[in-house]
Amino acid sequence: MSATGMQSRRPLLGWMIHDSLIIARSTITASFRIPEALFFQLIQPVIFVLLFAFVFGGAIPIPGAEPGSEGDPSLYREYLMPGIFGQTVAFAAAASTVGLAEAMQRGIIDRYRALPMSQPAVLIGNTFANALRQVLVLTVLSITGYIVGWRINDGIVNAILAYLLLLLFAYTVTWVGAFVGLSVPNTETANTAGLIWIFPLTFLSNAFVPITALPQWLQYFAAFNPISALVQATRELFGNPTGAPTDYWTLNNAALYTVISCVVIIAIFAPLAVRKYRTAARK
């Protein structure tokens, strides 16, 4: 029986979910076979925590803090950790970019194309696996944060919601990464293309400094930057310092704006990535 005939006999949704889970499991298993890559993926955010917490911590005041405590390094560490969380899940996009570019270059996509499987499942499984890997990364980061003085101050339920929001954002940006990875010609280009748009988004946000510390024209960009909303929402849910109040709706309704941003980004980039995948697979 032909692959097309087999596909037509299987329920479309169940078939796609089944194949997506297989691809996700395969992707996660493959990542653990390269412990060096996993190690560096874990160590990079830890280095950021230590660098900002102990080198810059006392030099960055937190607006809105109690008088006399604005420059307290321990206060900045609590302010910092949600920013590191936000930056880290944003970097999940880079892993998706490089992974898919490498799969294209090695001919793995061609093999998937020849199998009787749901073609969108290749991307769904890959993006899901990249987002799921962030559970381990966030666990290591949380332990590191606890060691340097970060605390969850607003209860376990809100903390779980914060982590779920971070994972949702990680899944969202992996679709952007997938589109970029399928658009570049080789893995070498993917290494640059996967990061070049993430750095401006993370540093032009409230991840490391309050947006009031930015020039006025950059404050507008930072206020509507989804990473700023994600970081603000997680600070609120973890019960960490949020900085001085602002007049921006996006930051005053940070959790809602984050979810809306995720839905919009997935709605745009998931179809683009699937179309790019189908086009690339035909070549």
Protein backbone atom coordinates (compact mmCIF):
# COMPACT_ATOMS: atom_id res chain seq x y z
CA MET A 1 0.00 0.00 0.00
CA SER A 2 1.31 3.44 -0.84
CA ALA A 3 2.16 6.05 1.78
CA THR A 4 -0.73 8.18 0.54
CA GLY A 5 -3.14 5.28 0.91
CA MET A 6 -1.99 4.59 4.45
CA GLN A 7 -2.37 8.27 5.36
CA SER A 8 -5.95 8.40 4.05
CA ARG A 9 -7.02 5.49 6.28
CA ARG A 10 -5.77 7.07 9.51
CA PRO A 11 -7.68 9.73 11.48
CA LEU A 12 -5.93 12.97 10.61
CA LEU A 13 -5.75 14.53 14.10
CA GLY A 14 -4.84 11.34 15.93
CA TRP A 15 -2.26 10.53 13.27
CA MET A 16 -0.68 13.97 13.61
CA ILE A 17 -0.58 13.82 17.44
CA HIS A 18 0.90 10.31 17.39
CA ASP A 19 3.60 11.26 14.90
CA SER A 20 4.34 14.52 16.73
CA LEU A 21 4.98 12.63 19.98
CA ILE A 22 7.29 10.20 18.18
CA ILE A 23 9.29 13.08 16.69
CA ALA A 24 9.40 14.85 20.08
CA ARG A 25 10.67 11.72 21.83
CA SER A 26 13.28 11.17 19.14
CA THR A 27 14.46 14.79 19.34
CA ILE A 28 14.75 14.73 23.14
CA THR A 29 16.54 11.37 23.10
CA ALA A 30 19.00 12.64 20.50
CA SER A 31 19.80 15.71 22.62
CA PHE A 32 20.81 13.51 25.56
CA ARG A 33 23.19 11.61 23.31
CA ILE A 34 25.27 14.79 23.01
CA PRO A 35 25.96 15.66 26.67
CA GLU A 36 28.43 18.39 25.74
CA ALA A 37 25.75 20.40 23.91
CA LEU A 38 23.32 19.90 26.79
CA PHE A 39 25.98 20.99 29.29
CA PHE A 40 26.66 24.26 27.47
CA GLN A 41 22.93 24.88 27.09
CA LEU A 42 22.63 24.61 30.88
CA ILE A 43 25.79 26.48 31.83
CA GLN A 44 25.20 29.60 29.72
CA PRO A 45 22.22 30.95 31.73
CA VAL A 46 23.99 30.05 34.98
CA ILE A 47 26.92 32.23 33.91
CA PHE A 48 24.50 35.08 33.17
CA VAL A 49 23.02 34.73 36.67
CA LEU A 50 26.42 34.85 38.36
CA LEU A 51 27.67 37.68 36.15
CA PHE A 52 24.71 40.00 36.68
CA ALA A 53 24.10 39.04 40.31
CA PHE A 54 27.62 39.60 41.59
CA VAL A 55 29.25 41.95 39.06
CA PHE A 56 26.43 44.37 38.21
CA GLY A 57 23.98 43.75 41.05
CA GLY A 58 24.95 46.64 43.31
CA ALA A 59 25.30 49.10 40.43
CA ILE A 60 21.73 48.84 39.10
CA PRO A 61 19.10 50.55 41.27
CA ILE A 62 15.53 49.28 41.30
CA PRO A 63 12.94 52.09 40.99
CA GLY A 64 9.98 51.70 43.30
CA ALA A 65 12.00 49.98 46.02
CA GLU A 66 11.83 51.16 49.61
CA PRO A 67 13.96 54.25 50.25
CA GLY A 68 17.53 53.28 50.97
CA SER A 69 17.27 49.81 49.42
CA GLU A 70 17.28 50.73 45.71
CA GLY A 71 20.88 49.60 45.22
CA ASP A 72 20.69 46.53 47.47
CA PRO A 73 22.38 43.64 45.58
CA SER A 74 20.02 41.06 47.10
CA LEU A 75 17.03 43.07 45.87
CA TYR A 76 18.48 43.17 42.37
CA ARG A 77 18.99 39.39 42.41
CA GLU A 78 15.28 38.91 43.03
CA TYR A 79 14.55 41.41 40.26
CA LEU A 80 17.08 39.71 37.97
CA MET A 81 15.99 36.06 38.05
CA PRO A 82 12.70 36.42 36.12
CA GLY A 83 14.69 38.37 33.52
CA ILE A 84 17.16 35.50 33.19
CA PHE A 85 14.24 33.08 32.92
CA GLY A 86 12.77 35.19 30.12
CA GLN A 87 16.06 35.44 28.26
CA THR A 88 16.69 31.71 28.61
CA VAL A 89 13.35 30.58 27.17
CA ALA A 90 13.80 33.07 24.33
CA PHE A 91 17.04 31.28 23.44
CA ALA A 92 14.99 28.12 22.85
CA ALA A 93 14.36 29.60 19.41
CA ALA A 94 18.05 29.35 18.56
CA ALA A 95 18.10 25.63 19.35
CA SER A 96 15.12 25.12 17.05
CA THR A 97 16.81 27.11 14.28
CA VAL A 98 20.07 25.16 14.40
CA GLY A 99 18.36 21.79 14.86
CA LEU A 100 16.15 22.12 11.81
CA ALA A 101 18.91 23.62 9.66
CA GLU A 102 21.12 20.67 10.56
CA ALA A 103 18.30 18.22 9.79
CA MET A 104 17.88 19.83 6.38
CA GLN A 105 21.60 19.74 5.64
CA ARG A 106 21.98 16.07 6.70
CA GLY A 107 18.99 14.94 4.64
CA ILE A 108 16.87 13.93 7.65
CA ILE A 109 13.98 16.02 6.36
CA ASP A 110 14.07 14.07 3.10
CA ARG A 111 13.79 10.82 5.06
CA TYR A 112 10.79 12.11 6.99
CA ARG A 113 9.24 13.19 3.73
CA ALA A 114 9.49 9.65 2.36
CA LEU A 115 7.76 8.10 5.39
CA PRO A 116 3.97 7.61 5.71
CA MET A 117 3.66 10.21 8.44
CA SER A 118 2.04 13.57 9.05
CA GLN A 119 4.40 16.20 7.66
CA PRO A 120 3.35 19.01 10.06
CA ALA A 121 4.11 16.56 12.89
CA VAL A 122 7.82 16.92 12.13
CA LEU A 123 7.70 20.59 13.11
CA ILE A 124 5.15 20.18 15.91
CA GLY A 125 7.24 17.43 17.52
CA ASN A 126 10.48 19.34 17.07
CA THR A 127 9.16 22.57 18.55
CA PHE A 128 7.47 20.72 21.42
CA ALA A 129 10.72 18.89 22.25
CA ASN A 130 12.74 22.11 22.22
CA ALA A 131 10.23 23.74 24.56
CA LEU A 132 10.10 20.69 26.83
CA ARG A 133 13.89 20.75 27.23
CA GLN A 134 13.44 24.10 28.94
CA VAL A 135 11.97 22.26 31.95
CA LEU A 136 15.46 20.99 32.76
CA VAL A 137 17.05 24.37 32.04
CA LEU A 138 14.54 26.23 34.24
CA THR A 139 15.07 23.70 37.03
CA VAL A 140 18.84 24.27 37.01
CA LEU A 141 18.31 28.03 36.83
CA SER A 142 15.86 28.01 39.74
CA ILE A 143 18.33 26.11 41.91
CA THR A 144 21.08 28.56 40.94
CA GLY A 145 18.78 31.47 41.72
CA TYR A 146 17.95 30.04 45.12
CA ILE A 147 21.67 29.73 45.90
CA VAL A 148 22.32 33.41 45.07
CA GLY A 149 19.32 34.63 47.09
CA TRP A 150 16.28 34.51 44.79
CA ARG A 151 13.04 33.41 46.41
CA ILE A 152 9.45 32.61 45.39
CA ASN A 153 7.40 34.94 47.55
CA ASP A 154 3.82 34.54 46.32
CA GLY A 155 2.85 30.91 46.79
CA ILE A 156 3.23 27.69 44.86
CA VAL A 157 0.15 28.16 42.65
CA ASN A 158 1.36 31.46 41.23
CA ALA A 159 4.84 30.00 40.84
CA ILE A 160 3.46 27.12 38.76
CA LEU A 161 1.56 29.62 36.62
CA ALA A 162 4.80 31.56 36.11
CA TYR A 163 6.65 28.46 34.96
CA LEU A 164 3.79 27.49 32.63
CA LEU A 165 3.88 30.97 31.12
CA LEU A 166 7.62 30.61 30.54
CA LEU A 167 7.12 27.24 28.83
CA LEU A 168 4.34 28.67 26.65
CA PHE A 169 6.68 31.43 25.54
CA ALA A 170 9.46 28.90 24.89
CA TYR A 171 7.11 26.90 22.66
CA THR A 172 6.06 30.08 20.88
CA VAL A 173 9.54 31.27 19.97
CA THR A 174 10.56 27.80 18.77
CA TRP A 175 8.12 28.32 15.89
CA VAL A 176 9.97 31.50 14.97
CA GLY A 177 13.21 29.54 15.23
CA ALA A 178 11.79 26.77 13.06
CA PHE A 179 10.89 29.24 10.33
CA VAL A 180 14.36 30.80 10.44
CA GLY A 181 16.05 27.39 10.45
CA LEU A 182 14.15 26.30 7.35
CA SER A 183 14.93 29.59 5.60
CA VAL A 184 18.73 29.55 5.87
CA PRO A 185 20.98 27.54 3.52
CA ASN A 186 23.18 25.76 6.08
CA THR A 187 23.97 25.16 9.74
CA GLU A 188 26.72 27.77 9.84
CA THR A 189 24.29 30.50 8.82
CA ALA A 190 21.71 29.16 11.27
CA ASN A 191 24.11 29.67 14.19
CA THR A 192 24.12 33.40 13.46
CA ALA A 193 20.56 33.81 12.23
CA GLY A 194 19.20 32.01 15.27
CA LEU A 195 20.70 34.54 17.67
CA ILE A 196 20.82 37.83 15.79
CA TRP A 197 17.19 38.75 16.52
CA ILE A 198 17.09 37.36 20.08
CA PHE A 199 19.79 39.56 21.59
CA PRO A 200 18.08 42.89 20.74
CA LEU A 201 14.75 41.61 22.06
CA THR A 202 16.19 40.44 25.37
CA PHE A 203 18.40 43.45 26.06
CA LEU A 204 15.85 46.03 24.84
CA SER A 205 13.44 44.91 27.52
CA ASN A 206 13.04 45.07 31.28
CA ALA A 207 14.89 41.78 31.75
CA PHE A 208 18.02 43.32 33.28
CA VAL A 209 17.20 46.98 33.89
CA PRO A 210 13.92 48.83 34.44
CA ILE A 211 12.59 50.31 31.21
CA THR A 212 12.71 53.75 32.85
CA ALA A 213 16.51 53.47 32.57
CA LEU A 214 16.23 53.36 28.77
CA PRO A 215 15.98 56.42 26.48
CA GLN A 216 12.38 57.52 25.98
CA TRP A 217 12.15 56.30 22.39
CA LEU A 218 13.40 52.86 23.42
CA GLN A 219 10.96 52.71 26.32
CA TYR A 220 8.05 52.41 23.89
CA PHE A 221 9.70 49.50 22.12
CA ALA A 222 10.56 47.81 25.42
CA ALA A 223 7.03 48.27 26.77
CA PHE A 224 5.49 46.45 23.80
CA ASN A 225 8.26 43.85 23.61
CA PRO A 226 6.66 40.47 24.50
CA ILE A 227 9.74 39.55 26.53
CA SER A 228 9.15 42.59 28.77
CA ALA A 229 5.58 41.45 29.39
CA LEU A 230 6.73 37.89 30.08
CA VAL A 231 9.34 39.07 32.56
CA GLN A 232 6.92 41.49 34.24
CA ALA A 233 4.27 38.77 34.55
CA THR A 234 6.68 36.27 36.07
CA ARG A 235 8.00 38.87 38.52
CA GLU A 236 4.44 39.46 39.69
CA LEU A 237 3.65 35.74 39.91
CA PHE A 238 6.86 34.93 41.78
CA GLY A 239 6.32 37.91 44.10
CA ASN A 240 9.60 39.54 43.10
CA PRO A 241 10.29 43.30 42.71
CA THR A 242 8.67 44.70 39.57
CA GLY A 243 10.16 48.18 39.51
CA ALA A 244 8.26 51.46 39.50
CA PRO A 245 4.66 51.45 38.18
CA THR A 246 4.24 52.43 34.53
CA ASP A 247 1.43 53.78 32.35
CA TYR A 248 1.84 51.07 29.71
CA TRP A 249 -1.15 48.74 29.37
CA THR A 250 1.12 45.94 28.22
CA LEU A 251 3.02 45.94 31.51
CA ASN A 252 0.01 46.59 33.73
CA ASN A 253 -1.67 43.54 32.14
CA ALA A 254 1.51 41.62 31.54
CA ALA A 255 0.21 38.03 31.78
CA LEU A 256 -2.69 38.74 29.42
CA TYR A 257 -0.45 40.53 26.92
CA THR A 258 2.04 37.66 27.04
CA VAL A 259 -0.64 35.08 26.22
CA ILE A 260 -2.05 37.27 23.43
CA SER A 261 1.45 37.73 22.00
CA CYS A 262 2.07 33.98 22.07
CA VAL A 263 -1.20 33.23 20.27
CA VAL A 264 -0.48 35.84 17.59
CA ILE A 265 3.12 34.72 17.05
CA ILE A 266 2.14 31.05 16.73
CA ALA A 267 -0.73 31.95 14.39
CA ILE A 268 1.75 33.76 12.13
CA PHE A 269 4.87 31.61 12.26
CA ALA A 270 3.45 28.08 12.55
CA PRO A 271 1.78 28.24 9.09
CA LEU A 272 4.85 29.99 7.65
CA ALA A 273 7.16 27.30 9.04
CA VAL A 274 4.93 24.45 7.79
CA ARG A 275 4.77 26.02 4.33
CA LYS A 276 8.53 26.51 4.31
CA TYR A 277 9.00 22.90 5.38
CA ARG A 278 6.79 21.58 2.60
CA THR A 279 8.55 23.75 0.04
CA ALA A 280 11.99 22.68 1.24
CA ALA A 281 11.03 19.02 1.29
CA ARG A 282 10.01 19.15 -2.38
CA LYS A 283 13.40 20.45 -3.50
